[in-house]
Amino acid sequence: MKKQDDLKSTALKFALLAKKSSKQLGLRKPQKSVK
C-alpha cells in the first residue's frame, strides 16, 4: 500500500513538473538543465 502511495505522489510531482516545463516551453526557449 505504501509503495502505491509513493508512486502516486511521484506521478503527481512529475505531472506538475511536466506542466511547469511545458508552460516554460511556451514562454521561452527550453533550457537543457531544468531542475
N, C-alpha and C. Protein backbone atom coordinates (compact mmCIF):
# COMPACT_ATOMS: atom_id res chain seq x y z
N MET A 1 0.83 -1.20 0.00
CA MET A 1 0.00 0.00 0.00
C MET A 1 0.87 1.26 0.00
N LYS A 2 1.86 1.24 0.88
CA LYS A 2 2.70 2.45 0.97
C LYS A 2 3.41 2.71 -0.36
N LYS A 3 3.86 1.63 -0.99
CA LYS A 3 4.57 1.82 -2.26
C LYS A 3 3.64 2.47 -3.28
N GLN A 4 2.40 2.04 -3.30
CA GLN A 4 1.46 2.61 -4.27
C GLN A 4 1.29 4.10 -4.00
N ASP A 5 1.18 4.48 -2.73
CA ASP A 5 1.03 5.90 -2.40
C ASP A 5 2.26 6.66 -2.87
N ASP A 6 3.44 6.11 -2.64
CA ASP A 6 4.67 6.78 -3.08
C ASP A 6 4.63 6.96 -4.59
N LEU A 7 4.20 5.92 -5.29
CA LEU A 7 4.15 6.01 -6.75
C LEU A 7 3.18 7.11 -7.16
N LYS A 8 2.05 7.18 -6.47
CA LYS A 8 1.05 8.20 -6.81
C LYS A 8 1.62 9.59 -6.63
N SER A 9 2.25 9.84 -5.48
CA SER A 9 2.79 11.18 -5.22
C SER A 9 3.90 11.49 -6.22
N THR A 10 4.69 10.49 -6.55
CA THR A 10 5.76 10.72 -7.53
C THR A 10 5.16 11.07 -8.88
N ALA A 11 4.12 10.36 -9.27
CA ALA A 11 3.47 10.64 -10.55
C ALA A 11 2.91 12.06 -10.54
N LEU A 12 2.32 12.45 -9.41
CA LEU A 12 1.77 13.81 -9.30
C LEU A 12 2.88 14.82 -9.47
N LYS A 13 3.99 14.58 -8.79
CA LYS A 13 5.13 15.51 -8.89
C LYS A 13 5.58 15.63 -10.34
N PHE A 14 5.69 14.49 -11.02
CA PHE A 14 6.14 14.53 -12.41
C PHE A 14 5.13 15.27 -13.28
N ALA A 15 3.86 15.07 -13.00
CA ALA A 15 2.83 15.75 -13.78
C ALA A 15 2.96 17.26 -13.60
N LEU A 16 3.17 17.69 -12.34
CA LEU A 16 3.33 19.12 -12.07
C LEU A 16 4.57 19.64 -12.79
N LEU A 17 5.65 18.88 -12.72
CA LEU A 17 6.89 19.31 -13.39
C LEU A 17 6.65 19.43 -14.89
N ALA A 18 5.96 18.46 -15.45
CA ALA A 18 5.70 18.49 -16.89
C ALA A 18 4.87 19.73 -17.25
N LYS A 19 3.86 20.01 -16.43
CA LYS A 19 3.05 21.21 -16.68
C LYS A 19 3.92 22.45 -16.64
N LYS A 20 4.75 22.53 -15.61
CA LYS A 20 5.64 23.70 -15.45
C LYS A 20 6.54 23.84 -16.67
N SER A 21 7.21 22.75 -17.04
CA SER A 21 8.17 22.83 -18.14
C SER A 21 7.45 23.15 -19.45
N SER A 22 6.26 22.61 -19.65
CA SER A 22 5.55 22.90 -20.90
C SER A 22 5.16 24.38 -20.92
N LYS A 23 4.80 24.93 -19.76
CA LYS A 23 4.49 26.36 -19.69
C LYS A 23 5.73 27.16 -20.05
N GLN A 24 6.87 26.77 -19.49
CA GLN A 24 8.12 27.48 -19.77
C GLN A 24 8.45 27.35 -21.25
N LEU A 25 8.19 26.19 -21.82
CA LEU A 25 8.49 25.98 -23.25
C LEU A 25 7.69 26.99 -24.07
N GLY A 26 6.46 27.24 -23.67
CA GLY A 26 5.63 28.19 -24.40
C GLY A 26 6.13 29.62 -24.21
N LEU A 27 6.71 29.90 -23.05
CA LEU A 27 7.17 31.27 -22.77
C LEU A 27 8.50 31.55 -23.43
N ARG A 28 9.42 30.62 -23.30
CA ARG A 28 10.77 30.88 -23.84
C ARG A 28 11.41 29.58 -24.30
N LYS A 29 12.59 29.71 -24.91
CA LYS A 29 13.28 28.51 -25.40
C LYS A 29 13.61 27.58 -24.24
N PRO A 30 13.54 26.29 -24.48
CA PRO A 30 13.82 25.30 -23.42
C PRO A 30 15.28 25.30 -23.01
N GLN A 31 15.50 25.10 -21.72
CA GLN A 31 16.87 25.01 -21.21
C GLN A 31 17.20 23.54 -21.00
N LYS A 32 18.44 23.17 -21.30
CA LYS A 32 18.79 21.75 -21.17
C LYS A 32 18.82 21.32 -19.71
N SER A 33 19.28 22.22 -18.83
CA SER A 33 19.39 21.84 -17.41
C SER A 33 18.27 22.51 -16.62
N VAL A 34 17.08 21.94 -16.70
CA VAL A 34 15.95 22.47 -15.94
C VAL A 34 15.74 21.61 -14.71
N LYS A 35 15.70 22.25 -13.55
CA LYS A 35 15.54 21.45 -12.32
C LYS A 35 14.19 21.76 -11.70
